[in-house]
Amino acid sequence: MKRSLLALALLLAATPACLAHGPKIGEHGGPQTDAGSFHVEAVAKDLTLDVYLNDHAAKPVASAGFKGVAILKAADGKPVRIPLAPASDNKLTGVAPSPLPAELEGAVQITTQTGSTVQGKFGEHEH
């Protein structure tokens, strides 16, 4: 009985931390991670990188006035730097100098319209 209560207490104590993180795959099919007060989803298609911004309630955040940079591992394994600019609604877009793999690895840094920055990591660096 004591073990059951201890196990239940540990499970309940861990639950809020688990709920704080968004799903690992975003609504556009790309990996999603936390970046400050946002969920950031990255979707790569050949040379194009789309980064979607949502708040922690999964509501889109307008990207107007935002900018960013992604540093990701390209398909050839070399790091590439991709400047990101607002594209539409809650999306920032950039073009890589070489093709990007479907499985992204690296980081995205977003600068908000107020000048604050947040960072999200993808791939083996995720938590």
C-alpha atoms as a PDB file:
ATOM      1  CA  MET A   1       0.000   0.000   0.000  1.00  0.00           C
ATOM      2  CA  LYS A   2       2.812   2.419   0.889  1.00  0.00           C
ATOM      3  CA  ARG A   3       4.532   1.678  -2.428  1.00  0.00           C
ATOM      4  CA  SER A   4       1.312   2.361  -4.330  1.00  0.00           C
ATOM      5  CA  LEU A   5       0.857   5.692  -2.574  1.00  0.00           C
ATOM      6  CA  LEU A   6       4.483   6.626  -3.188  1.00  0.00           C
ATOM      7  CA  ALA A   7       4.191   5.704  -6.884  1.00  0.00           C
ATOM      8  CA  LEU A   8       0.976   7.733  -7.188  1.00  0.00           C
ATOM      9  CA  ALA A   9       2.567  10.719  -5.433  1.00  0.00           C
ATOM     10  CA  LEU A  10       5.577  10.597  -7.775  1.00  0.00           C
ATOM     11  CA  LEU A  11       3.321  10.364 -10.828  1.00  0.00           C
ATOM     12  CA  LEU A  12       1.209  13.319  -9.734  1.00  0.00           C
ATOM     13  CA  ALA A  13       4.301  15.377  -8.922  1.00  0.00           C
ATOM     14  CA  ALA A  14       5.719  14.751 -12.408  1.00  0.00           C
ATOM     15  CA  THR A  15       2.492  15.480 -14.290  1.00  0.00           C
ATOM     16  CA  PRO A  16       2.642  19.337 -14.334  1.00  0.00           C
ATOM     17  CA  ALA A  17       6.139  19.268 -15.835  1.00  0.00           C
ATOM     18  CA  CYS A  18       4.991  16.892 -18.548  1.00  0.00           C
ATOM     19  CA  LEU A  19       1.968  19.035 -19.387  1.00  0.00           C
ATOM     20  CA  ALA A  20       4.097  22.172 -19.784  1.00  0.00           C
ATOM     21  CA  HIS A  21       5.634  20.875 -23.005  1.00  0.00           C
ATOM     22  CA  GLY A  22       3.766  20.883 -26.279  1.00  0.00           C
ATOM     23  CA  PRO A  23       3.520  17.937 -28.608  1.00  0.00           C
ATOM     24  CA  LYS A  24       6.774  16.896 -30.272  1.00  0.00           C
ATOM     25  CA  ILE A  25       5.160  17.101 -33.749  1.00  0.00           C
ATOM     26  CA  GLY A  26       3.362  20.293 -34.740  1.00  0.00           C
ATOM     27  CA  GLU A  27       0.200  20.689 -36.791  1.00  0.00           C
ATOM     28  CA  HIS A  28       2.227  21.139 -40.013  1.00  0.00           C
ATOM     29  CA  GLY A  29       4.068  17.841 -39.505  1.00  0.00           C
ATOM     30  CA  GLY A  30       7.390  19.266 -38.338  1.00  0.00           C
ATOM     31  CA  PRO A  31       9.190  18.854 -35.025  1.00  0.00           C
ATOM     32  CA  GLN A  32       7.971  21.237 -32.329  1.00  0.00           C
ATOM     33  CA  THR A  33       9.826  22.477 -29.282  1.00  0.00           C
ATOM     34  CA  ASP A  34       9.509  25.115 -26.574  1.00  0.00           C
ATOM     35  CA  ALA A  35      11.179  28.476 -27.133  1.00  0.00           C
ATOM     36  CA  GLY A  36      10.546  30.870 -24.273  1.00  0.00           C
ATOM     37  CA  SER A  37       6.823  31.607 -24.191  1.00  0.00           C
ATOM     38  CA  PHE A  38       6.268  29.988 -27.604  1.00  0.00           C
ATOM     39  CA  HIS A  39       5.961  26.596 -29.231  1.00  0.00           C
ATOM     40  CA  VAL A  40       8.125  26.646 -32.355  1.00  0.00           C
ATOM     41  CA  GLU A  41       7.545  24.178 -35.196  1.00  0.00           C
ATOM     42  CA  ALA A  42      10.109  23.842 -38.008  1.00  0.00           C
ATOM     43  CA  VAL A  43       9.221  22.369 -41.390  1.00  0.00           C
ATOM     44  CA  ALA A  44      11.940  21.836 -44.012  1.00  0.00           C
ATOM     45  CA  LYS A  45      11.206  21.308 -47.713  1.00  0.00           C
ATOM     46  CA  ASP A  46      14.411  21.055 -49.751  1.00  0.00           C
ATOM     47  CA  LEU A  47      15.920  24.568 -49.396  1.00  0.00           C
ATOM     48  CA  THR A  48      12.959  26.220 -47.661  1.00  0.00           C
ATOM     49  CA  LEU A  49      12.534  26.374 -43.896  1.00  0.00           C
ATOM     50  CA  ASP A  50       9.180  27.413 -42.435  1.00  0.00           C
ATOM     51  CA  VAL A  51       9.000  28.168 -38.701  1.00  0.00           C
ATOM     52  CA  TYR A  52       5.553  28.406 -37.117  1.00  0.00           C
ATOM     53  CA  LEU A  53       4.908  30.255 -33.850  1.00  0.00           C
ATOM     54  CA  ASN A  54       2.189  29.336 -31.361  1.00  0.00           C
ATOM     55  CA  ASP A  55       1.685  30.246 -27.740  1.00  0.00           C
ATOM     56  CA  HIS A  56       1.597  27.564 -25.044  1.00  0.00           C
ATOM     57  CA  ALA A  57      -2.180  27.301 -25.500  1.00  0.00           C
ATOM     58  CA  ALA A  58      -1.498  26.239 -29.141  1.00  0.00           C
ATOM     59  CA  LYS A  59      -2.914  29.507 -30.507  1.00  0.00           C
ATOM     60  CA  PRO A  60      -1.069  31.096 -33.473  1.00  0.00           C
ATOM     61  CA  VAL A  61       1.141  34.105 -32.712  1.00  0.00           C
ATOM     62  CA  ALA A  62       1.332  36.728 -35.485  1.00  0.00           C
ATOM     63  CA  SER A  63       4.876  36.844 -36.897  1.00  0.00           C
ATOM     64  CA  ALA A  64       4.703  40.484 -38.078  1.00  0.00           C
ATOM     65  CA  GLY A  65       7.659  42.364 -36.589  1.00  0.00           C
ATOM     66  CA  PHE A  66       9.510  39.152 -35.709  1.00  0.00           C
ATOM     67  CA  LYS A  67      12.770  37.967 -37.250  1.00  0.00           C
ATOM     68  CA  GLY A  68      15.009  35.025 -36.670  1.00  0.00           C
ATOM     69  CA  VAL A  69      17.894  32.835 -37.634  1.00  0.00           C
ATOM     70  CA  ALA A  70      18.186  29.075 -37.791  1.00  0.00           C
ATOM     71  CA  ILE A  71      21.452  27.200 -37.548  1.00  0.00           C
ATOM     72  CA  LEU A  72      20.773  23.668 -38.708  1.00  0.00           C
ATOM     73  CA  LYS A  73      22.662  20.687 -40.013  1.00  0.00           C
ATOM     74  CA  ALA A  74      22.168  20.440 -43.799  1.00  0.00           C
ATOM     75  CA  ALA A  75      21.582  17.163 -45.634  1.00  0.00           C
ATOM     76  CA  ASP A  76      25.353  16.956 -46.292  1.00  0.00           C
ATOM     77  CA  GLY A  77      26.031  17.223 -42.524  1.00  0.00           C
ATOM     78  CA  LYS A  78      27.479  20.746 -42.653  1.00  0.00           C
ATOM     79  CA  PRO A  79      25.942  23.547 -40.562  1.00  0.00           C
ATOM     80  CA  VAL A  80      23.969  26.217 -42.415  1.00  0.00           C
ATOM     81  CA  ARG A  81      22.747  29.607 -41.234  1.00  0.00           C
ATOM     82  CA  ILE A  82      19.255  30.566 -42.435  1.00  0.00           C
ATOM     83  CA  PRO A  83      17.895  34.095 -41.869  1.00  0.00           C
ATOM     84  CA  LEU A  84      14.144  34.028 -41.144  1.00  0.00           C
ATOM     85  CA  ALA A  85      11.596  36.724 -42.011  1.00  0.00           C
ATOM     86  CA  PRO A  86       7.816  36.970 -41.542  1.00  0.00           C
ATOM     87  CA  ALA A  87       5.963  35.199 -44.344  1.00  0.00           C
ATOM     88  CA  SER A  88       2.320  35.058 -43.307  1.00  0.00           C
ATOM     89  CA  ASP A  89       0.161  34.783 -40.203  1.00  0.00           C
ATOM     90  CA  ASN A  90       2.273  32.903 -37.642  1.00  0.00           C
ATOM     91  CA  LYS A  91       5.080  31.847 -40.000  1.00  0.00           C
ATOM     92  CA  LEU A  92       8.691  32.896 -40.535  1.00  0.00           C
ATOM     93  CA  THR A  93      10.450  31.604 -43.651  1.00  0.00           C
ATOM     94  CA  GLY A  94      14.016  31.361 -44.886  1.00  0.00           C
ATOM     95  CA  VAL A  95      16.014  29.730 -47.666  1.00  0.00           C
ATOM     96  CA  ALA A  96      19.016  27.513 -46.935  1.00  0.00           C
ATOM     97  CA  PRO A  97      22.137  27.553 -49.122  1.00  0.00           C
ATOM     98  CA  SER A  98      21.963  23.747 -49.395  1.00  0.00           C
ATOM     99  CA  PRO A  99      19.163  21.145 -49.011  1.00  0.00           C
ATOM    100  CA  LEU A 100      17.810  20.431 -45.544  1.00  0.00           C
ATOM    101  CA  PRO A 101      17.019  16.932 -44.283  1.00  0.00           C
ATOM    102  CA  ALA A 102      13.520  15.989 -43.113  1.00  0.00           C
ATOM    103  CA  GLU A 103      14.932  15.246 -39.630  1.00  0.00           C
ATOM    104  CA  LEU A 104      16.126  18.636 -38.400  1.00  0.00           C
ATOM    105  CA  GLU A 105      18.999  19.097 -35.989  1.00  0.00           C
ATOM    106  CA  GLY A 106      20.087  22.469 -34.661  1.00  0.00           C
ATOM    107  CA  ALA A 107      18.529  25.596 -33.211  1.00  0.00           C
ATOM    108  CA  VAL A 108      16.238  28.473 -34.096  1.00  0.00           C
ATOM    109  CA  GLN A 109      16.568  31.904 -32.482  1.00  0.00           C
ATOM    110  CA  ILE A 110      13.556  34.201 -32.741  1.00  0.00           C
ATOM    111  CA  THR A 111      13.621  37.942 -32.016  1.00  0.00           C
ATOM    112  CA  THR A 112      10.222  39.388 -31.139  1.00  0.00           C
ATOM    113  CA  GLN A 113       8.977  42.833 -32.157  1.00  0.00           C
ATOM    114  CA  THR A 114      10.035  44.096 -28.694  1.00  0.00           C
ATOM    115  CA  GLY A 115      13.623  42.911 -29.219  1.00  0.00           C
ATOM    116  CA  SER A 116      13.551  39.975 -26.800  1.00  0.00           C
ATOM    117  CA  THR A 117      14.954  36.675 -28.028  1.00  0.00           C
ATOM    118  CA  VAL A 118      13.974  33.060 -27.505  1.00  0.00           C
ATOM    119  CA  GLN A 119      15.639  29.871 -28.689  1.00  0.00           C
ATOM    120  CA  GLY A 120      14.363  26.416 -29.539  1.00  0.00           C
ATOM    121  CA  LYS A 121      16.485  23.340 -30.208  1.00  0.00           C
ATOM    122  CA  PHE A 122      15.697  20.448 -32.527  1.00  0.00           C
ATOM    123  CA  GLY A 123      17.123  16.976 -32.973  1.00  0.00           C
ATOM    124  CA  GLU A 124      19.411  15.280 -30.479  1.00  0.00           C
ATOM    125  CA  HIS A 125      19.583  18.480 -28.378  1.00  0.00           C
ATOM    126  CA  GLU A 126      15.867  18.441 -27.546  1.00  0.00           C
ATOM    127  CA  HIS A 127      14.722  17.791 -23.996  1.00  0.00           C
END
